[in-house]
Amino acid sequence: MRYVTMRQFIKRTVKTILVGYVIKFIRNKLSGKSSHPTDNKHN
């Protein structure tokens, strides 16, 4: 196993957090657009 420096570890952690936020944001946008009309129809 290679020795992972703290900087590399922090970079990787920040990247995964950012990716998670982006995926959440995109999912909310997509689900918001597609679910609002169906919610109104059901209600």
PDB file of N, CA and C in Angstrom:
ATOM      1  N   MET A   1       0.847  -1.205   0.000  1.00  0.00           N
ATOM      2  CA  MET A   1       0.000   0.000   0.000  1.00  0.00           C
ATOM      3  C   MET A   1       0.876   1.246   0.000  1.00  0.00           C
ATOM      4  N   ARG A   2       0.450   2.219  -0.794  1.00  0.00           N
ATOM      5  CA  ARG A   2       1.200   3.476  -0.835  1.00  0.00           C
ATOM      6  C   ARG A   2       0.848   4.334   0.365  1.00  0.00           C
ATOM      7  N   TYR A   3       1.804   5.133   0.801  1.00  0.00           N
ATOM      8  CA  TYR A   3       1.549   6.047   1.907  1.00  0.00           C
ATOM      9  C   TYR A   3       0.748   7.244   1.394  1.00  0.00           C
ATOM     10  N   VAL A   4      -0.408   7.459   1.977  1.00  0.00           N
ATOM     11  CA  VAL A   4      -1.266   8.566   1.544  1.00  0.00           C
ATOM     12  C   VAL A   4      -1.011   9.763   2.451  1.00  0.00           C
ATOM     13  N   THR A   5      -0.618  10.877   1.850  1.00  0.00           N
ATOM     14  CA  THR A   5      -0.369  12.084   2.636  1.00  0.00           C
ATOM     15  C   THR A   5      -1.693  12.696   3.079  1.00  0.00           C
ATOM     16  N   MET A   6      -1.615  13.552   4.095  1.00  0.00           N
ATOM     17  CA  MET A   6      -2.821  14.183   4.617  1.00  0.00           C
ATOM     18  C   MET A   6      -3.480  15.024   3.532  1.00  0.00           C
ATOM     19  N   ARG A   7      -2.655  15.692   2.719  1.00  0.00           N
ATOM     20  CA  ARG A   7      -3.202  16.551   1.673  1.00  0.00           C
ATOM     21  C   ARG A   7      -4.012  15.721   0.677  1.00  0.00           C
ATOM     22  N   GLN A   8      -3.462  14.563   0.269  1.00  0.00           N
ATOM     23  CA  GLN A   8      -4.174  13.693  -0.672  1.00  0.00           C
ATOM     24  C   GLN A   8      -5.484  13.212  -0.059  1.00  0.00           C
ATOM     25  N   PHE A   9      -5.424  12.844   1.225  1.00  0.00           N
ATOM     26  CA  PHE A   9      -6.616  12.350   1.912  1.00  0.00           C
ATOM     27  C   PHE A   9      -7.698  13.429   1.959  1.00  0.00           C
ATOM     28  N   ILE A  10      -7.289  14.664   2.317  1.00  0.00           N
ATOM     29  CA  ILE A  10      -8.244  15.773   2.395  1.00  0.00           C
ATOM     30  C   ILE A  10      -8.819  16.056   1.015  1.00  0.00           C
ATOM     31  N   LYS A  11      -7.944  16.047  -0.010  1.00  0.00           N
ATOM     32  CA  LYS A  11      -8.417  16.293  -1.377  1.00  0.00           C
ATOM     33  C   LYS A  11      -9.467  15.263  -1.769  1.00  0.00           C
ATOM     34  N   ARG A  12      -9.188  14.004  -1.464  1.00  0.00           N
ATOM     35  CA  ARG A  12     -10.117  12.928  -1.820  1.00  0.00           C
ATOM     36  C   ARG A  12     -11.440  13.097  -1.078  1.00  0.00           C
ATOM     37  N   THR A  13     -11.355  13.435   0.223  1.00  0.00           N
ATOM     38  CA  THR A  13     -12.565  13.605   1.021  1.00  0.00           C
ATOM     39  C   THR A  13     -13.400  14.760   0.489  1.00  0.00           C
ATOM     40  N   VAL A  14     -12.737  15.883   0.196  1.00  0.00           N
ATOM     41  CA  VAL A  14     -13.458  17.053  -0.319  1.00  0.00           C
ATOM     42  C   VAL A  14     -14.115  16.706  -1.647  1.00  0.00           C
ATOM     43  N   LYS A  15     -13.386  15.957  -2.484  1.00  0.00           N
ATOM     44  CA  LYS A  15     -13.924  15.590  -3.801  1.00  0.00           C
ATOM     45  C   LYS A  15     -15.176  14.737  -3.640  1.00  0.00           C
ATOM     46  N   THR A  16     -15.127  13.747  -2.743  1.00  0.00           N
ATOM     47  CA  THR A  16     -16.292  12.875  -2.565  1.00  0.00           C
ATOM     48  C   THR A  16     -17.468  13.671  -2.009  1.00  0.00           C
ATOM     49  N   ILE A  17     -17.189  14.601  -1.081  1.00  0.00           N
ATOM     50  CA  ILE A  17     -18.263  15.421  -0.513  1.00  0.00           C
ATOM     51  C   ILE A  17     -18.877  16.289  -1.602  1.00  0.00           C
ATOM     52  N   LEU A  18     -18.018  16.907  -2.428  1.00  0.00           N
ATOM     53  CA  LEU A  18     -18.522  17.760  -3.509  1.00  0.00           C
ATOM     54  C   LEU A  18     -19.357  16.943  -4.481  1.00  0.00           C
ATOM     55  N   VAL A  19     -18.863  15.762  -4.853  1.00  0.00           N
ATOM     56  CA  VAL A  19     -19.613  14.900  -5.782  1.00  0.00           C
ATOM     57  C   VAL A  19     -20.968  14.543  -5.176  1.00  0.00           C
ATOM     58  N   GLY A  20     -20.975  14.227  -3.882  1.00  0.00           N
ATOM     59  CA  GLY A  20     -22.233  13.892  -3.215  1.00  0.00           C
ATOM     60  C   GLY A  20     -23.209  15.049  -3.261  1.00  0.00           C
ATOM     61  N   TYR A  21     -22.717  16.268  -2.997  1.00  0.00           N
ATOM     62  CA  TYR A  21     -23.585  17.441  -3.041  1.00  0.00           C
ATOM     63  C   TYR A  21     -24.128  17.666  -4.442  1.00  0.00           C
ATOM     64  N   VAL A  22     -23.255  17.516  -5.463  1.00  0.00           N
ATOM     65  CA  VAL A  22     -23.681  17.728  -6.851  1.00  0.00           C
ATOM     66  C   VAL A  22     -24.761  16.715  -7.226  1.00  0.00           C
ATOM     67  N   ILE A  23     -24.552  15.447  -6.862  1.00  0.00           N
ATOM     68  CA  ILE A  23     -25.541  14.405  -7.182  1.00  0.00           C
ATOM     69  C   ILE A  23     -26.856  14.717  -6.475  1.00  0.00           C
ATOM     70  N   LYS A  24     -26.779  15.132  -5.209  1.00  0.00           N
ATOM     71  CA  LYS A  24     -27.986  15.469  -4.452  1.00  0.00           C
ATOM     72  C   LYS A  24     -28.714  16.629  -5.128  1.00  0.00           C
ATOM     73  N   PHE A  25     -27.935  17.659  -5.522  1.00  0.00           N
ATOM     74  CA  PHE A  25     -28.513  18.847  -6.152  1.00  0.00           C
ATOM     75  C   PHE A  25     -29.213  18.474  -7.450  1.00  0.00           C
ATOM     76  N   ILE A  26     -28.530  17.662  -8.287  1.00  0.00           N
ATOM     77  CA  ILE A  26     -29.108  17.261  -9.580  1.00  0.00           C
ATOM     78  C   ILE A  26     -30.357  16.414  -9.339  1.00  0.00           C
ATOM     79  N   ARG A  27     -30.297  15.495  -8.388  1.00  0.00           N
ATOM     80  CA  ARG A  27     -31.455  14.630  -8.098  1.00  0.00           C
ATOM     81  C   ARG A  27     -32.632  15.476  -7.635  1.00  0.00           C
ATOM     82  N   ASN A  28     -32.372  16.452  -6.754  1.00  0.00           N
ATOM     83  CA  ASN A  28     -33.448  17.317  -6.274  1.00  0.00           C
ATOM     84  C   ASN A  28     -34.058  18.089  -7.428  1.00  0.00           C
ATOM     85  N   LYS A  29     -33.216  18.598  -8.336  1.00  0.00           N
ATOM     86  CA  LYS A  29     -33.715  19.346  -9.493  1.00  0.00           C
ATOM     87  C   LYS A  29     -34.563  18.443 -10.376  1.00  0.00           C
ATOM     88  N   LEU A  30     -34.032  17.246 -10.680  1.00  0.00           N
ATOM     89  CA  LEU A  30     -34.755  16.327 -11.571  1.00  0.00           C
ATOM     90  C   LEU A  30     -36.047  15.862 -10.906  1.00  0.00           C
ATOM     91  N   SER A  31     -35.973  15.429  -9.655  1.00  0.00           N
ATOM     92  CA  SER A  31     -37.166  14.922  -8.975  1.00  0.00           C
ATOM     93  C   SER A  31     -38.158  16.059  -8.749  1.00  0.00           C
ATOM     94  N   GLY A  32     -37.657  17.274  -8.496  1.00  0.00           N
ATOM     95  CA  GLY A  32     -38.545  18.414  -8.300  1.00  0.00           C
ATOM     96  C   GLY A  32     -39.342  18.702  -9.550  1.00  0.00           C
ATOM     97  N   LYS A  33     -38.658  18.666 -10.712  1.00  0.00           N
ATOM     98  CA  LYS A  33     -39.338  18.941 -11.976  1.00  0.00           C
ATOM     99  C   LYS A  33     -40.348  17.848 -12.294  1.00  0.00           C
ATOM    100  N   SER A  34     -39.986  16.587 -12.042  1.00  0.00           N
ATOM    101  CA  SER A  34     -40.840  15.475 -12.463  1.00  0.00           C
ATOM    102  C   SER A  34     -41.918  15.164 -11.421  1.00  0.00           C
ATOM    103  N   SER A  35     -41.661  15.453 -10.138  1.00  0.00           N
ATOM    104  CA  SER A  35     -42.600  15.039  -9.092  1.00  0.00           C
ATOM    105  C   SER A  35     -43.650  16.105  -8.793  1.00  0.00           C
ATOM    106  N   HIS A  36     -43.380  17.369  -9.072  1.00  0.00           N
ATOM    107  CA  HIS A  36     -44.357  18.415  -8.738  1.00  0.00           C
ATOM    108  C   HIS A  36     -45.678  18.227  -9.479  1.00  0.00           C
ATOM    109  N   PRO A  37     -45.675  18.011 -10.795  1.00  0.00           N
ATOM    110  CA  PRO A  37     -46.947  17.823 -11.502  1.00  0.00           C
ATOM    111  C   PRO A  37     -47.678  16.569 -11.026  1.00  0.00           C
ATOM    112  N   THR A  38     -46.951  15.476 -10.760  1.00  0.00           N
ATOM    113  CA  THR A  38     -47.603  14.250 -10.301  1.00  0.00           C
ATOM    114  C   THR A  38     -48.172  14.463  -8.902  1.00  0.00           C
ATOM    115  N   ASP A  39     -47.464  15.200  -8.046  1.00  0.00           N
ATOM    116  CA  ASP A  39     -47.972  15.466  -6.700  1.00  0.00           C
ATOM    117  C   ASP A  39     -49.270  16.261  -6.786  1.00  0.00           C
ATOM    118  N   ASN A  40     -49.307  17.253  -7.671  1.00  0.00           N
ATOM    119  CA  ASN A  40     -50.510  18.062  -7.819  1.00  0.00           C
ATOM    120  C   ASN A  40     -51.668  17.206  -8.328  1.00  0.00           C
ATOM    121  N   LYS A  41     -51.371  16.290  -9.255  1.00  0.00           N
ATOM    122  CA  LYS A  41     -52.422  15.415  -9.788  1.00  0.00           C
ATOM    123  C   LYS A  41     -52.952  14.506  -8.685  1.00  0.00           C
ATOM    124  N   HIS A  42     -52.055  13.936  -7.881  1.00  0.00           N
ATOM    125  CA  HIS A  42     -52.486  13.026  -6.822  1.00  0.00           C
ATOM    126  C   HIS A  42     -53.278  13.782  -5.760  1.00  0.00           C
ATOM    127  N   ASN A  43     -52.825  14.985  -5.409  1.00  0.00           N
ATOM    128  CA  ASN A  43     -53.538  15.783  -4.414  1.00  0.00           C
ATOM    129  C   ASN A  43     -54.640  16.521  -5.107  1.00  0.00           C
TER     130      ASN A  43
END
